[in-house]
Amino acid sequence: MGSASDLPIAEKAIEQLESLDVPYEVH
């Protein structure tokens, strides 16, 4: 994310990755 204010968008991606058991990291 370019800014912590982008977290709601990132969370949509994270939820989808988790549902597919895809490992990720967030910064």
mmCIF file of all heavy atoms, coordinates in Angstrom:
data_MODEL
# 
_entry.id   MODEL 
# 
loop_
_atom_site.group_PDB 
_atom_site.id 
_atom_site.type_symbol 
_atom_site.label_atom_id 
_atom_site.label_alt_id 
_atom_site.label_comp_id 
_atom_site.label_asym_id 
_atom_site.label_entity_id 
_atom_site.label_seq_id 
_atom_site.pdbx_PDB_ins_code 
_atom_site.Cartn_x 
_atom_site.Cartn_y 
_atom_site.Cartn_z 
_atom_site.occupancy 
_atom_site.B_iso_or_equiv 
_atom_site.pdbx_formal_charge 
_atom_site.auth_seq_id 
_atom_site.auth_comp_id 
_atom_site.auth_asym_id 
_atom_site.auth_atom_id 
_atom_site.pdbx_PDB_model_num 
ATOM 1   N N   . MET A 1 1  ? 0.847   -1.187  0.000  1.00 0.00 ? 1  MET A N   1 
ATOM 2   C CA  . MET A 1 1  ? 0.000   0.000   0.000  1.00 0.00 ? 1  MET A CA  1 
ATOM 3   C C   . MET A 1 1  ? 0.882   1.236   0.000  1.00 0.00 ? 1  MET A C   1 
ATOM 4   O O   . MET A 1 1  ? 1.889   1.269   0.718  1.00 0.00 ? 1  MET A O   1 
ATOM 5   C CB  . MET A 1 1  ? -0.866  0.041   1.267  1.00 0.00 ? 1  MET A CB  1 
ATOM 6   C CG  . MET A 1 1  ? -1.864  -1.077  1.367  1.00 0.00 ? 1  MET A CG  1 
ATOM 7   S SD  . MET A 1 1  ? -2.610  -1.128  3.015  1.00 0.00 ? 1  MET A SD  1 
ATOM 8   C CE  . MET A 1 1  ? -1.377  -2.094  3.887  1.00 0.00 ? 1  MET A CE  1 
ATOM 9   N N   . GLY A 1 2  ? 0.507   2.240   -0.757 1.00 0.00 ? 2  GLY A N   1 
ATOM 10  C CA  . GLY A 1 2  ? 1.225   3.504   -0.736 1.00 0.00 ? 2  GLY A CA  1 
ATOM 11  C C   . GLY A 1 2  ? 0.970   4.282   0.534  1.00 0.00 ? 2  GLY A C   1 
ATOM 12  O O   . GLY A 1 2  ? 1.750   5.133   0.930  1.00 0.00 ? 2  GLY A O   1 
ATOM 13  N N   . SER A 1 3  ? -0.118  3.961   1.204  1.00 0.00 ? 3  SER A N   1 
ATOM 14  C CA  . SER A 1 3  ? -0.516  4.638   2.435  1.00 0.00 ? 3  SER A CA  1 
ATOM 15  C C   . SER A 1 3  ? -1.396  3.692   3.236  1.00 0.00 ? 3  SER A C   1 
ATOM 16  O O   . SER A 1 3  ? -2.122  2.870   2.659  1.00 0.00 ? 3  SER A O   1 
ATOM 17  C CB  . SER A 1 3  ? -1.304  5.908   2.091  1.00 0.00 ? 3  SER A CB  1 
ATOM 18  O OG  . SER A 1 3  ? -1.959  6.432   3.215  1.00 0.00 ? 3  SER A OG  1 
ATOM 19  N N   . ALA A 1 4  ? -1.351  3.816   4.562  1.00 0.00 ? 4  ALA A N   1 
ATOM 20  C CA  . ALA A 1 4  ? -2.205  2.984   5.410  1.00 0.00 ? 4  ALA A CA  1 
ATOM 21  C C   . ALA A 1 4  ? -3.682  3.229   5.121  1.00 0.00 ? 4  ALA A C   1 
ATOM 22  O O   . ALA A 1 4  ? -4.521  2.368   5.398  1.00 0.00 ? 4  ALA A O   1 
ATOM 23  C CB  . ALA A 1 4  ? -1.895  3.239   6.880  1.00 0.00 ? 4  ALA A CB  1 
ATOM 24  N N   . SER A 1 5  ? -4.019  4.364   4.522  1.00 0.00 ? 5  SER A N   1 
ATOM 25  C CA  . SER A 1 5  ? -5.422  4.635   4.185  1.00 0.00 ? 5  SER A CA  1 
ATOM 26  C C   . SER A 1 5  ? -5.935  3.700   3.079  1.00 0.00 ? 5  SER A C   1 
ATOM 27  O O   . SER A 1 5  ? -7.137  3.610   2.855  1.00 0.00 ? 5  SER A O   1 
ATOM 28  C CB  . SER A 1 5  ? -5.602  6.096   3.756  1.00 0.00 ? 5  SER A CB  1 
ATOM 29  O OG  . SER A 1 5  ? -4.893  6.351   2.559  1.00 0.00 ? 5  SER A OG  1 
ATOM 30  N N   . ASP A 1 6  ? -5.025  2.987   2.420  1.00 0.00 ? 6  ASP A N   1 
ATOM 31  C CA  . ASP A 1 6  ? -5.406  2.027   1.380  1.00 0.00 ? 6  ASP A CA  1 
ATOM 32  C C   . ASP A 1 6  ? -5.775  0.656   1.955  1.00 0.00 ? 6  ASP A C   1 
ATOM 33  O O   . ASP A 1 6  ? -6.097  -0.268  1.202  1.00 0.00 ? 6  ASP A O   1 
ATOM 34  C CB  . ASP A 1 6  ? -4.271  1.851   0.367  1.00 0.00 ? 6  ASP A CB  1 
ATOM 35  C CG  . ASP A 1 6  ? -3.923  3.134   -0.355 1.00 0.00 ? 6  ASP A CG  1 
ATOM 36  O OD1 . ASP A 1 6  ? -4.847  3.923   -0.637 1.00 0.00 ? 6  ASP A OD1 1 
ATOM 37  O OD2 . ASP A 1 6  ? -2.734  3.353   -0.633 1.00 0.00 ? 6  ASP A OD2 1 
ATOM 38  N N   . LEU A 1 7  ? -5.733  0.519   3.276  1.00 0.00 ? 7  LEU A N   1 
ATOM 39  C CA  . LEU A 1 7  ? -5.971  -0.777  3.909  1.00 0.00 ? 7  LEU A CA  1 
ATOM 40  C C   . LEU A 1 7  ? -7.314  -1.416  3.543  1.00 0.00 ? 7  LEU A C   1 
ATOM 41  O O   . LEU A 1 7  ? -7.359  -2.625  3.305  1.00 0.00 ? 7  LEU A O   1 
ATOM 42  C CB  . LEU A 1 7  ? -5.827  -0.665  5.435  1.00 0.00 ? 7  LEU A CB  1 
ATOM 43  C CG  . LEU A 1 7  ? -5.912  -1.985  6.202  1.00 0.00 ? 7  LEU A CG  1 
ATOM 44  C CD1 . LEU A 1 7  ? -4.870  -2.980  5.722  1.00 0.00 ? 7  LEU A CD1 1 
ATOM 45  C CD2 . LEU A 1 7  ? -5.785  -1.726  7.694  1.00 0.00 ? 7  LEU A CD2 1 
ATOM 46  N N   . PRO A 1 8  ? -8.427  -0.679  3.446  1.00 0.00 ? 8  PRO A N   1 
ATOM 47  C CA  . PRO A 1 8  ? -9.675  -1.352  3.058  1.00 0.00 ? 8  PRO A CA  1 
ATOM 48  C C   . PRO A 1 8  ? -9.588  -2.059  1.698  1.00 0.00 ? 8  PRO A C   1 
ATOM 49  O O   . PRO A 1 8  ? -10.188 -3.122  1.515  1.00 0.00 ? 8  PRO A O   1 
ATOM 50  C CB  . PRO A 1 8  ? -10.702 -0.207  3.029  1.00 0.00 ? 8  PRO A CB  1 
ATOM 51  C CG  . PRO A 1 8  ? -10.158 0.805   3.985  1.00 0.00 ? 8  PRO A CG  1 
ATOM 52  C CD  . PRO A 1 8  ? -8.660  0.729   3.812  1.00 0.00 ? 8  PRO A CD  1 
ATOM 53  N N   . ILE A 1 9  ? -8.846  -1.497  0.779  1.00 0.00 ? 9  ILE A N   1 
ATOM 54  C CA  . ILE A 1 9  ? -8.668  -2.146  -0.533 1.00 0.00 ? 9  ILE A CA  1 
ATOM 55  C C   . ILE A 1 9  ? -7.771  -3.365  -0.367 1.00 0.00 ? 9  ILE A C   1 
ATOM 56  O O   . ILE A 1 9  ? -8.039  -4.439  -0.911 1.00 0.00 ? 9  ILE A O   1 
ATOM 57  C CB  . ILE A 1 9  ? -8.070  -1.160  -1.554 1.00 0.00 ? 9  ILE A CB  1 
ATOM 58  C CG1 . ILE A 1 9  ? -8.984  0.053   -1.722 1.00 0.00 ? 9  ILE A CG1 1 
ATOM 59  C CG2 . ILE A 1 9  ? -7.839  -1.848  -2.897 1.00 0.00 ? 9  ILE A CG2 1 
ATOM 60  C CD1 . ILE A 1 9  ? -8.328  1.223   -2.427 1.00 0.00 ? 9  ILE A CD1 1 
ATOM 61  N N   . ALA A 1 10 ? -6.689  -3.201  0.387  1.00 0.00 ? 10 ALA A N   1 
ATOM 62  C CA  . ALA A 1 10 ? -5.764  -4.310  0.625  1.00 0.00 ? 10 ALA A CA  1 
ATOM 63  C C   . ALA A 1 10 ? -6.475  -5.475  1.299  1.00 0.00 ? 10 ALA A C   1 
ATOM 64  O O   . ALA A 1 10 ? -6.217  -6.644  0.978  1.00 0.00 ? 10 ALA A O   1 
ATOM 65  C CB  . ALA A 1 10 ? -4.596  -3.837  1.472  1.00 0.00 ? 10 ALA A CB  1 
ATOM 66  N N   . GLU A 1 11 ? -7.381  -5.169  2.218  1.00 0.00 ? 11 GLU A N   1 
ATOM 67  C CA  . GLU A 1 11 ? -8.089  -6.233  2.928  1.00 0.00 ? 11 GLU A CA  1 
ATOM 68  C C   . GLU A 1 11 ? -8.929  -7.090  1.993  1.00 0.00 ? 11 GLU A C   1 
ATOM 69  O O   . GLU A 1 11 ? -9.065  -8.299  2.200  1.00 0.00 ? 11 GLU A O   1 
ATOM 70  C CB  . GLU A 1 11 ? -8.941  -5.649  4.054  1.00 0.00 ? 11 GLU A CB  1 
ATOM 71  C CG  . GLU A 1 11 ? -8.093  -5.189  5.224  1.00 0.00 ? 11 GLU A CG  1 
ATOM 72  C CD  . GLU A 1 11 ? -8.866  -4.490  6.319  1.00 0.00 ? 11 GLU A CD  1 
ATOM 73  O OE1 . GLU A 1 11 ? -9.924  -3.873  6.029  1.00 0.00 ? 11 GLU A OE1 1 
ATOM 74  O OE2 . GLU A 1 11 ? -8.412  -4.558  7.476  1.00 0.00 ? 11 GLU A OE2 1 
ATOM 75  N N   . LYS A 1 12 ? -9.483  -6.490  0.944  1.00 0.00 ? 12 LYS A N   1 
ATOM 76  C CA  . LYS A 1 12 ? -10.234 -7.281  -0.051 1.00 0.00 ? 12 LYS A CA  1 
ATOM 77  C C   . LYS A 1 12 ? -9.312  -8.275  -0.741 1.00 0.00 ? 12 LYS A C   1 
ATOM 78  O O   . LYS A 1 12 ? -9.665  -9.432  -0.967 1.00 0.00 ? 12 LYS A O   1 
ATOM 79  C CB  . LYS A 1 12 ? -10.893 -6.373  -1.095 1.00 0.00 ? 12 LYS A CB  1 
ATOM 80  C CG  . LYS A 1 12 ? -11.938 -5.446  -0.537 1.00 0.00 ? 12 LYS A CG  1 
ATOM 81  C CD  . LYS A 1 12 ? -13.181 -6.175  -0.154 1.00 0.00 ? 12 LYS A CD  1 
ATOM 82  C CE  . LYS A 1 12 ? -14.250 -5.163  0.226  1.00 0.00 ? 12 LYS A CE  1 
ATOM 83  N NZ  . LYS A 1 12 ? -15.364 -5.771  0.905  1.00 0.00 ? 12 LYS A NZ  1 
ATOM 84  N N   . ALA A 1 13 ? -8.112  -7.815  -1.081 1.00 0.00 ? 13 ALA A N   1 
ATOM 85  C CA  . ALA A 1 13 ? -7.126  -8.708  -1.709 1.00 0.00 ? 13 ALA A CA  1 
ATOM 86  C C   . ALA A 1 13 ? -6.687  -9.791  -0.733 1.00 0.00 ? 13 ALA A C   1 
ATOM 87  O O   . ALA A 1 13 ? -6.611  -10.977 -1.090 1.00 0.00 ? 13 ALA A O   1 
ATOM 88  C CB  . ALA A 1 13 ? -5.925  -7.901  -2.199 1.00 0.00 ? 13 ALA A CB  1 
ATOM 89  N N   . ILE A 1 14 ? -6.409  -9.396  0.502  1.00 0.00 ? 14 ILE A N   1 
ATOM 90  C CA  . ILE A 1 14 ? -5.952  -10.339 1.515  1.00 0.00 ? 14 ILE A CA  1 
ATOM 91  C C   . ILE A 1 14 ? -7.001  -11.418 1.772  1.00 0.00 ? 14 ILE A C   1 
ATOM 92  O O   . ILE A 1 14 ? -6.676  -12.615 1.840  1.00 0.00 ? 14 ILE A O   1 
ATOM 93  C CB  . ILE A 1 14 ? -5.596  -9.583  2.818  1.00 0.00 ? 14 ILE A CB  1 
ATOM 94  C CG1 . ILE A 1 14 ? -4.348  -8.726  2.602  1.00 0.00 ? 14 ILE A CG1 1 
ATOM 95  C CG2 . ILE A 1 14 ? -5.411  -10.546 3.980  1.00 0.00 ? 14 ILE A CG2 1 
ATOM 96  C CD1 . ILE A 1 14 ? -4.124  -7.662  3.658  1.00 0.00 ? 14 ILE A CD1 1 
ATOM 97  N N   . GLU A 1 15 ? -8.256  -11.017 1.901  1.00 0.00 ? 15 GLU A N   1 
ATOM 98  C CA  . GLU A 1 15 ? -9.341  -11.991 2.118  1.00 0.00 ? 15 GLU A CA  1 
ATOM 99  C C   . GLU A 1 15 ? -9.393  -13.009 0.985  1.00 0.00 ? 15 GLU A C   1 
ATOM 100 O O   . GLU A 1 15 ? -9.567  -14.206 1.225  1.00 0.00 ? 15 GLU A O   1 
ATOM 101 C CB  . GLU A 1 15 ? -10.684 -11.269 2.236  1.00 0.00 ? 15 GLU A CB  1 
ATOM 102 C CG  . GLU A 1 15 ? -10.859 -10.490 3.513  1.00 0.00 ? 15 GLU A CG  1 
ATOM 103 C CD  . GLU A 1 15 ? -12.080 -9.578  3.483  1.00 0.00 ? 15 GLU A CD  1 
ATOM 104 O OE1 . GLU A 1 15 ? -12.926 -9.706  2.559  1.00 0.00 ? 15 GLU A OE1 1 
ATOM 105 O OE2 . GLU A 1 15 ? -12.183 -8.718  4.375  1.00 0.00 ? 15 GLU A OE2 1 
ATOM 106 N N   . GLN A 1 16 ? -9.243  -12.534 -0.250 1.00 0.00 ? 16 GLN A N   1 
ATOM 107 C CA  . GLN A 1 16 ? -9.300  -13.444 -1.395 1.00 0.00 ? 16 GLN A CA  1 
ATOM 108 C C   . GLN A 1 16 ? -8.086  -14.373 -1.399 1.00 0.00 ? 16 GLN A C   1 
ATOM 109 O O   . GLN A 1 16 ? -8.219  -15.568 -1.661 1.00 0.00 ? 16 GLN A O   1 
ATOM 110 C CB  . GLN A 1 16 ? -9.373  -12.657 -2.704 1.00 0.00 ? 16 GLN A CB  1 
ATOM 111 C CG  . GLN A 1 16 ? -9.607  -13.527 -3.914 1.00 0.00 ? 16 GLN A CG  1 
ATOM 112 C CD  . GLN A 1 16 ? -10.948 -14.229 -3.868 1.00 0.00 ? 16 GLN A CD  1 
ATOM 113 O OE1 . GLN A 1 16 ? -11.991 -13.611 -3.874 1.00 0.00 ? 16 GLN A OE1 1 
ATOM 114 N NE2 . GLN A 1 16 ? -10.934 -15.548 -3.803 1.00 0.00 ? 16 GLN A NE2 1 
ATOM 115 N N   . LEU A 1 17 ? -6.898  -13.847 -1.121 1.00 0.00 ? 17 LEU A N   1 
ATOM 116 C CA  . LEU A 1 17 ? -5.704  -14.691 -1.058 1.00 0.00 ? 17 LEU A CA  1 
ATOM 117 C C   . LEU A 1 17 ? -5.853  -15.751 0.028  1.00 0.00 ? 17 LEU A C   1 
ATOM 118 O O   . LEU A 1 17 ? -5.525  -16.926 -0.185 1.00 0.00 ? 17 LEU A O   1 
ATOM 119 C CB  . LEU A 1 17 ? -4.458  -13.836 -0.812 1.00 0.00 ? 17 LEU A CB  1 
ATOM 120 C CG  . LEU A 1 17 ? -4.060  -12.894 -1.958 1.00 0.00 ? 17 LEU A CG  1 
ATOM 121 C CD1 . LEU A 1 17 ? -2.978  -11.931 -1.497 1.00 0.00 ? 17 LEU A CD1 1 
ATOM 122 C CD2 . LEU A 1 17 ? -3.623  -13.676 -3.187 1.00 0.00 ? 17 LEU A CD2 1 
ATOM 123 N N   . GLU A 1 18 ? -6.354  -15.347 1.190  1.00 0.00 ? 18 GLU A N   1 
ATOM 124 C CA  . GLU A 1 18 ? -6.547  -16.301 2.288  1.00 0.00 ? 18 GLU A CA  1 
ATOM 125 C C   . GLU A 1 18 ? -7.537  -17.393 1.899  1.00 0.00 ? 18 GLU A C   1 
ATOM 126 O O   . GLU A 1 18 ? -7.340  -18.565 2.232  1.00 0.00 ? 18 GLU A O   1 
ATOM 127 C CB  . GLU A 1 18 ? -7.020  -15.586 3.549  1.00 0.00 ? 18 GLU A CB  1 
ATOM 128 C CG  . GLU A 1 18 ? -5.923  -14.802 4.224  1.00 0.00 ? 18 GLU A CG  1 
ATOM 129 C CD  . GLU A 1 18 ? -6.387  -14.045 5.459  1.00 0.00 ? 18 GLU A CD  1 
ATOM 130 O OE1 . GLU A 1 18 ? -7.619  -13.900 5.684  1.00 0.00 ? 18 GLU A OE1 1 
ATOM 131 O OE2 . GLU A 1 18 ? -5.502  -13.584 6.211  1.00 0.00 ? 18 GLU A OE2 1 
ATOM 132 N N   . SER A 1 19 ? -8.601  -17.040 1.189  1.00 0.00 ? 19 SER A N   1 
ATOM 133 C CA  . SER A 1 19 ? -9.612  -18.035 0.806  1.00 0.00 ? 19 SER A CA  1 
ATOM 134 C C   . SER A 1 19 ? -9.035  -19.090 -0.134 1.00 0.00 ? 19 SER A C   1 
ATOM 135 O O   . SER A 1 19 ? -9.557  -20.195 -0.213 1.00 0.00 ? 19 SER A O   1 
ATOM 136 C CB  . SER A 1 19 ? -10.828 -17.360 0.170  1.00 0.00 ? 19 SER A CB  1 
ATOM 137 O OG  . SER A 1 19 ? -10.556 -16.966 -1.159 1.00 0.00 ? 19 SER A OG  1 
ATOM 138 N N   . LEU A 1 20 ? -7.961  -18.742 -0.828 1.00 0.00 ? 20 LEU A N   1 
ATOM 139 C CA  . LEU A 1 20 ? -7.307  -19.675 -1.746 1.00 0.00 ? 20 LEU A CA  1 
ATOM 140 C C   . LEU A 1 20 ? -6.041  -20.284 -1.142 1.00 0.00 ? 20 LEU A C   1 
ATOM 141 O O   . LEU A 1 20 ? -5.312  -21.001 -1.821 1.00 0.00 ? 20 LEU A O   1 
ATOM 142 C CB  . LEU A 1 20 ? -6.962  -18.955 -3.055 1.00 0.00 ? 20 LEU A CB  1 
ATOM 143 C CG  . LEU A 1 20 ? -8.149  -18.482 -3.877 1.00 0.00 ? 20 LEU A CG  1 
ATOM 144 C CD1 . LEU A 1 20 ? -7.704  -17.499 -4.961 1.00 0.00 ? 20 LEU A CD1 1 
ATOM 145 C CD2 . LEU A 1 20 ? -8.894  -19.662 -4.488 1.00 0.00 ? 20 LEU A CD2 1 
ATOM 146 N N   . ASP A 1 21 ? -5.768  -19.969 0.123  1.00 0.00 ? 21 ASP A N   1 
ATOM 147 C CA  . ASP A 1 21 ? -4.561  -20.444 0.818  1.00 0.00 ? 21 ASP A CA  1 
ATOM 148 C C   . ASP A 1 21 ? -3.275  -20.000 0.124  1.00 0.00 ? 21 ASP A C   1 
ATOM 149 O O   . ASP A 1 21 ? -2.290  -20.741 0.076  1.00 0.00 ? 21 ASP A O   1 
ATOM 150 C CB  . ASP A 1 21 ? -4.570  -21.970 0.966  1.00 0.00 ? 21 ASP A CB  1 
ATOM 151 C CG  . ASP A 1 21 ? -5.742  -22.461 1.797  1.00 0.00 ? 21 ASP A CG  1 
ATOM 152 O OD1 . ASP A 1 21 ? -6.033  -21.824 2.826  1.00 0.00 ? 21 ASP A OD1 1 
ATOM 153 O OD2 . ASP A 1 21 ? -6.359  -23.471 1.410  1.00 0.00 ? 21 ASP A OD2 1 
ATOM 154 N N   . VAL A 1 22 ? -3.283  -18.791 -0.419 1.00 0.00 ? 22 VAL A N   1 
ATOM 155 C CA  . VAL A 1 22 ? -2.093  -18.236 -1.066 1.00 0.00 ? 22 VAL A CA  1 
ATOM 156 C C   . VAL A 1 22 ? -1.311  -17.438 -0.014 1.00 0.00 ? 22 VAL A C   1 
ATOM 157 O O   . VAL A 1 22 ? -1.870  -16.527 0.610  1.00 0.00 ? 22 VAL A O   1 
ATOM 158 C CB  . VAL A 1 22 ? -2.478  -17.317 -2.246 1.00 0.00 ? 22 VAL A CB  1 
ATOM 159 C CG1 . VAL A 1 22 ? -1.256  -16.598 -2.806 1.00 0.00 ? 22 VAL A CG1 1 
ATOM 160 C CG2 . VAL A 1 22 ? -3.172  -18.118 -3.335 1.00 0.00 ? 22 VAL A CG2 1 
ATOM 161 N N   . PRO A 1 23 ? -0.040  -17.767 0.199  1.00 0.00 ? 23 PRO A N   1 
ATOM 162 C CA  . PRO A 1 23 ? 0.747   -17.008 1.172  1.00 0.00 ? 23 PRO A CA  1 
ATOM 163 C C   . PRO A 1 23 ? 0.997   -15.577 0.690  1.00 0.00 ? 23 PRO A C   1 
ATOM 164 O O   . PRO A 1 23 ? 1.128   -15.331 -0.516 1.00 0.00 ? 23 PRO A O   1 
ATOM 165 C CB  . PRO A 1 23 ? 2.053   -17.792 1.291  1.00 0.00 ? 23 PRO A CB  1 
ATOM 166 C CG  . PRO A 1 23 ? 2.083   -18.733 0.162  1.00 0.00 ? 23 PRO A CG  1 
ATOM 167 C CD  . PRO A 1 23 ? 0.706   -18.860 -0.399 1.00 0.00 ? 23 PRO A CD  1 
ATOM 168 N N   . TYR A 1 24 ? 1.065   -14.659 1.647  1.00 0.00 ? 24 TYR A N   1 
ATOM 169 C CA  . TYR A 1 24 ? 1.243   -13.253 1.295  1.00 0.00 ? 24 TYR A CA  1 
ATOM 170 C C   . TYR A 1 24 ? 1.967   -12.532 2.418  1.00 0.00 ? 24 TYR A C   1 
ATOM 171 O O   . TYR A 1 24 ? 2.088   -13.039 3.534  1.00 0.00 ? 24 TYR A O   1 
ATOM 172 C CB  . TYR A 1 24 ? -0.114  -12.586 1.038  1.00 0.00 ? 24 TYR A CB  1 
ATOM 173 C CG  . TYR A 1 24 ? -1.006  -12.572 2.249  1.00 0.00 ? 24 TYR A CG  1 
ATOM 174 C CD1 . TYR A 1 24 ? -0.943  -11.529 3.180  1.00 0.00 ? 24 TYR A CD1 1 
ATOM 175 C CD2 . TYR A 1 24 ? -1.893  -13.620 2.494  1.00 0.00 ? 24 TYR A CD2 1 
ATOM 176 C CE1 . TYR A 1 24 ? -1.740  -11.533 4.311  1.00 0.00 ? 24 TYR A CE1 1 
ATOM 177 C CE2 . TYR A 1 24 ? -2.695  -13.629 3.616  1.00 0.00 ? 24 TYR A CE2 1 
ATOM 178 C CZ  . TYR A 1 24 ? -2.619  -12.588 4.523  1.00 0.00 ? 24 TYR A CZ  1 
ATOM 179 O OH  . TYR A 1 24 ? -3.403  -12.594 5.646  1.00 0.00 ? 24 TYR A OH  1 
ATOM 180 N N   . GLU A 1 25 ? 2.428   -11.348 2.091  1.00 0.00 ? 25 GLU A N   1 
ATOM 181 C CA  . GLU A 1 25 ? 2.924   -10.415 3.096  1.00 0.00 ? 25 GLU A CA  1 
ATOM 182 C C   . GLU A 1 25 ? 2.409   -9.042  2.724  1.00 0.00 ? 25 GLU A C   1 
ATOM 183 O O   . GLU A 1 25 ? 2.078   -8.793  1.559  1.00 0.00 ? 25 GLU A O   1 
ATOM 184 C CB  . GLU A 1 25 ? 4.442   -10.443 3.220  1.00 0.00 ? 25 GLU A CB  1 
ATOM 185 C CG  . GLU A 1 25 ? 5.211   -10.186 1.957  1.00 0.00 ? 25 GLU A CG  1 
ATOM 186 C CD  . GLU A 1 25 ? 6.716   -10.342 2.155  1.00 0.00 ? 25 GLU A CD  1 
ATOM 187 O OE1 . GLU A 1 25 ? 7.168   -11.472 2.414  1.00 0.00 ? 25 GLU A OE1 1 
ATOM 188 O OE2 . GLU A 1 25 ? 7.414   -9.317  2.039  1.00 0.00 ? 25 GLU A OE2 1 
ATOM 189 N N   . VAL A 1 26 ? 2.319   -8.152  3.716  1.00 0.00 ? 26 VAL A N   1 
ATOM 190 C CA  . VAL A 1 26 ? 1.707   -6.840  3.516  1.00 0.00 ? 26 VAL A CA  1 
ATOM 191 C C   . VAL A 1 26 ? 2.646   -5.755  4.033  1.00 0.00 ? 26 VAL A C   1 
ATOM 192 O O   . VAL A 1 26 ? 3.240   -5.912  5.104  1.00 0.00 ? 26 VAL A O   1 
ATOM 193 C CB  . VAL A 1 26 ? 0.351   -6.746  4.256  1.00 0.00 ? 26 VAL A CB  1 
ATOM 194 C CG1 . VAL A 1 26 ? -0.332  -5.419  3.985  1.00 0.00 ? 26 VAL A CG1 1 
ATOM 195 C CG2 . VAL A 1 26 ? -0.559  -7.908  3.869  1.00 0.00 ? 26 VAL A CG2 1 
ATOM 196 N N   . HIS A 1 27 ? 2.771   -4.664  3.261  1.00 0.00 ? 27 HIS A N   1 
ATOM 197 C CA  . HIS A 1 27 ? 3.648   -3.561  3.641  1.00 0.00 ? 27 HIS A CA  1 
ATOM 198 C C   . HIS A 1 27 ? 3.034   -2.230  3.220  1.00 0.00 ? 27 HIS A C   1 
ATOM 199 O O   . HIS A 1 27 ? 2.204   -2.175  2.315  1.00 0.00 ? 27 HIS A O   1 
ATOM 200 C CB  . HIS A 1 27 ? 5.014   -3.681  2.937  1.00 0.00 ? 27 HIS A CB  1 
ATOM 201 C CG  . HIS A 1 27 ? 5.685   -4.982  3.176  1.00 0.00 ? 27 HIS A CG  1 
ATOM 202 N ND1 . HIS A 1 27 ? 6.436   -5.245  4.294  1.00 0.00 ? 27 HIS A ND1 1 
ATOM 203 C CD2 . HIS A 1 27 ? 5.717   -6.116  2.430  1.00 0.00 ? 27 HIS A CD2 1 
ATOM 204 C CE1 . HIS A 1 27 ? 6.909   -6.479  4.228  1.00 0.00 ? 27 HIS A CE1 1 
ATOM 205 N NE2 . HIS A 1 27 ? 6.479   -7.029  3.115  1.00 0.00 ? 27 HIS A NE2 1 
# 
